[in-house]
Amino acid sequence: MKVERKIIIRNKQLRRIRYNLREIIIRAVYDEIERLSSISDLYGPILDLTPAEEKEVYFLEGTKHNLSSALNNSICVCPLCTRADKDMIYIPKHETWYCIECQEKGLIWYPCHGSEEDRWQNDYINMYYELKDKFEKKYLNKGDFNLG
C-alpha cells in the first residue's frame, strides 16, 4: 500500500472475531518459533558444530527472526505497545501497522523529525526546561533564595 490507511471496527462482535483471529495467528507464529528453537537447541554449542550443521543453525535462527519481524510488521500486533486488540493504521514509510493510540500519542517516529537520537535528545532538553521552570516557580518566587 502507498497510502496511510486506518482500519476501525465499531461492531463488538466483529471486534471479538478480529481479536480471536489475530490471537490464532500470533500463537501459531510463537509456536513455530518455539519449535525452531527446540530444533536448534539439539545441535549444542555453535563452536562444536561442523560447517554444515552451523549453516543449519544459522538458517533456523534466520527463520525465527523473519517470523518475528513479519509478525511485528503485520496488522496482528502493534510493534510499539504489542497490543493485538486495537484498531490499526498503516504507515507506508515504515511498511508497518501501528495501533491508532500509539499514533495519537506521537510514539511513531517519522523521518521529518530528524534522527531518532536527535528526537530523544530534544525530549530530554524540553524535559529539563520544564523541570527548571517548575523549580523556579516553586522555590525562587518565594524569596527564599537570593541568586544575585
Protein backbone atom coordinates (compact mmCIF):
# COMPACT_ATOMS: atom_id res chain seq x y z
CA MET A 1 0.00 0.00 0.00
CA LYS A 2 1.15 3.52 -0.72
CA VAL A 3 -1.29 5.47 1.44
CA GLU A 4 -1.95 5.68 5.18
CA ARG A 5 -4.96 3.55 5.90
CA LYS A 6 -6.96 3.23 9.13
CA ILE A 7 -8.99 0.15 9.89
CA ILE A 8 -11.62 0.84 12.52
CA ILE A 9 -14.29 -1.67 13.51
CA ARG A 10 -17.14 -0.41 15.66
CA ASN A 11 -19.25 -3.59 15.94
CA LYS A 12 -18.46 -5.53 19.14
CA GLN A 13 -18.95 -8.96 17.58
CA LEU A 14 -16.67 -8.14 14.65
CA ARG A 15 -14.06 -6.76 17.08
CA ARG A 16 -14.14 -10.04 19.01
CA ILE A 17 -13.80 -12.07 15.80
CA ARG A 18 -10.89 -9.86 14.69
CA TYR A 19 -9.15 -10.25 18.04
CA ASN A 20 -9.62 -14.04 18.05
CA LEU A 21 -8.22 -14.35 14.51
CA ARG A 22 -5.23 -12.22 15.48
CA GLU A 23 -4.64 -14.39 18.54
CA ILE A 24 -4.70 -17.55 16.41
CA ILE A 25 -2.07 -16.09 14.07
CA ILE A 26 0.11 -14.80 16.94
CA ARG A 27 0.01 -18.15 18.74
CA ALA A 28 0.84 -20.01 15.53
CA VAL A 29 3.88 -17.79 14.96
CA TYR A 30 5.09 -18.22 18.55
CA ASP A 31 4.55 -21.98 18.38
CA GLU A 32 6.63 -22.13 15.20
CA ILE A 33 9.38 -20.01 16.78
CA GLU A 34 9.38 -22.31 19.81
CA ARG A 35 9.56 -25.39 17.57
CA LEU A 36 12.51 -23.91 15.64
CA SER A 37 14.25 -23.04 18.91
CA SER A 38 13.90 -26.58 20.19
CA ILE A 39 15.37 -27.91 16.94
CA SER A 40 18.33 -25.51 17.08
CA ASP A 41 18.92 -26.43 20.74
CA LEU A 42 19.55 -30.04 19.67
CA TYR A 43 22.75 -29.00 17.89
CA GLY A 44 24.62 -27.88 21.02
CA PRO A 45 27.27 -25.14 21.25
CA ILE A 46 27.97 -23.34 17.97
CA LEU A 47 31.77 -23.75 18.31
CA ASP A 48 31.47 -27.55 18.32
CA LEU A 49 29.50 -27.78 15.08
CA THR A 50 30.62 -28.74 11.61
CA PRO A 51 30.19 -26.12 8.86
CA ALA A 52 27.08 -27.90 7.52
CA GLU A 53 25.47 -28.02 10.98
CA GLU A 54 26.45 -24.39 11.54
CA LYS A 55 24.63 -23.41 8.33
CA GLU A 56 21.51 -25.22 9.51
CA VAL A 57 21.58 -23.45 12.89
CA TYR A 58 22.01 -20.06 11.19
CA PHE A 59 19.15 -20.89 8.83
CA LEU A 60 16.91 -21.74 11.80
CA GLU A 61 17.87 -18.53 13.60
CA GLY A 62 17.22 -16.51 10.44
CA THR A 63 13.83 -18.13 10.00
CA LYS A 64 12.91 -17.28 13.62
CA HIS A 65 13.97 -13.68 13.04
CA ASN A 66 11.95 -13.47 9.82
CA LEU A 67 8.87 -14.81 11.57
CA SER A 68 9.09 -12.34 14.44
CA SER A 69 9.72 -9.37 12.12
CA ALA A 70 6.80 -10.44 9.89
CA LEU A 71 4.57 -10.55 12.97
CA ASN A 72 5.73 -7.09 14.08
CA ASN A 73 5.05 -5.64 10.63
CA SER A 74 1.64 -7.30 10.34
CA ILE A 75 -1.76 -5.95 11.30
CA CYS A 76 -1.97 -8.52 14.09
CA VAL A 77 0.10 -6.67 16.67
CA CYS A 78 1.38 -3.12 17.22
CA PRO A 79 5.19 -3.19 17.32
CA LEU A 80 5.34 -0.36 19.89
CA CYS A 81 2.83 -1.37 22.55
CA THR A 82 2.41 -5.04 21.48
CA ARG A 83 -1.37 -4.85 21.78
CA ALA A 84 -3.47 -7.01 19.48
CA ASP A 85 -6.94 -5.75 20.33
CA LYS A 86 -6.77 -2.22 18.90
CA ASP A 87 -7.74 -0.59 15.62
CA MET A 88 -4.72 -0.17 13.36
CA ILE A 89 -3.24 2.35 10.94
CA TYR A 90 -0.78 1.53 8.15
CA ILE A 91 2.26 3.82 7.84
CA PRO A 92 3.71 3.38 4.31
CA LYS A 93 7.16 4.84 5.12
CA HIS A 94 7.65 2.13 7.73
CA GLU A 95 5.66 -0.54 5.87
CA THR A 96 4.16 -1.41 9.24
CA TRP A 97 0.82 -1.35 11.03
CA TYR A 98 0.57 0.58 14.32
CA CYS A 99 -2.35 0.98 16.69
CA ILE A 100 -4.20 4.27 16.49
CA GLU A 101 -3.44 5.06 20.14
CA CYS A 102 0.33 4.97 19.54
CA GLN A 103 -0.13 7.25 16.54
CA GLU A 104 -2.25 9.73 18.51
CA LYS A 105 0.31 9.78 21.34
CA GLY A 106 3.06 10.61 18.83
CA LEU A 107 5.12 7.50 19.51
CA ILE A 108 5.72 6.75 15.84
CA TRP A 109 8.97 8.21 14.52
CA TYR A 110 8.85 9.89 11.12
CA PRO A 111 11.92 10.84 9.04
CA CYS A 112 10.89 14.51 9.07
CA HIS A 113 11.51 14.51 12.86
CA GLY A 114 15.26 14.07 12.23
CA SER A 115 17.26 11.14 13.51
CA GLU A 116 15.91 9.15 16.44
CA GLU A 117 18.88 10.26 18.54
CA ASP A 118 18.03 13.93 17.90
CA ARG A 119 14.42 13.23 18.80
CA TRP A 120 15.28 11.77 22.20
CA GLN A 121 17.90 14.46 22.82
CA ASN A 122 15.26 17.11 22.14
CA ASP A 123 12.86 15.42 24.56
CA TYR A 124 15.50 15.49 27.33
CA ILE A 125 16.19 19.17 26.72
CA ASN A 126 12.48 20.02 26.82
CA MET A 127 12.08 17.97 29.99
CA TYR A 128 15.00 19.88 31.59
CA TYR A 129 13.42 23.25 30.78
CA GLU A 130 10.02 22.15 32.11
CA LEU A 131 11.56 20.94 35.38
CA LYS A 132 13.63 24.14 35.65
CA ASP A 133 10.50 26.28 35.24
CA LYS A 134 8.64 24.26 37.86
CA PHE A 135 11.56 24.58 40.26
CA GLU A 136 11.79 28.34 39.76
CA LYS A 137 8.07 28.81 40.25
CA LYS A 138 8.02 26.68 43.37
CA TYR A 139 11.11 27.91 45.19
CA LEU A 140 12.63 31.02 43.67
CA ASN A 141 9.49 33.16 43.58
CA LYS A 142 9.05 32.83 47.33
CA GLY A 143 12.11 34.94 48.01
CA ASP A 144 13.85 32.19 49.97
CA PHE A 145 16.89 32.22 47.73
CA ASN A 146 18.98 35.15 46.60
CA LEU A 147 20.75 34.37 43.34
CA GLY A 148 22.02 37.70 42.57
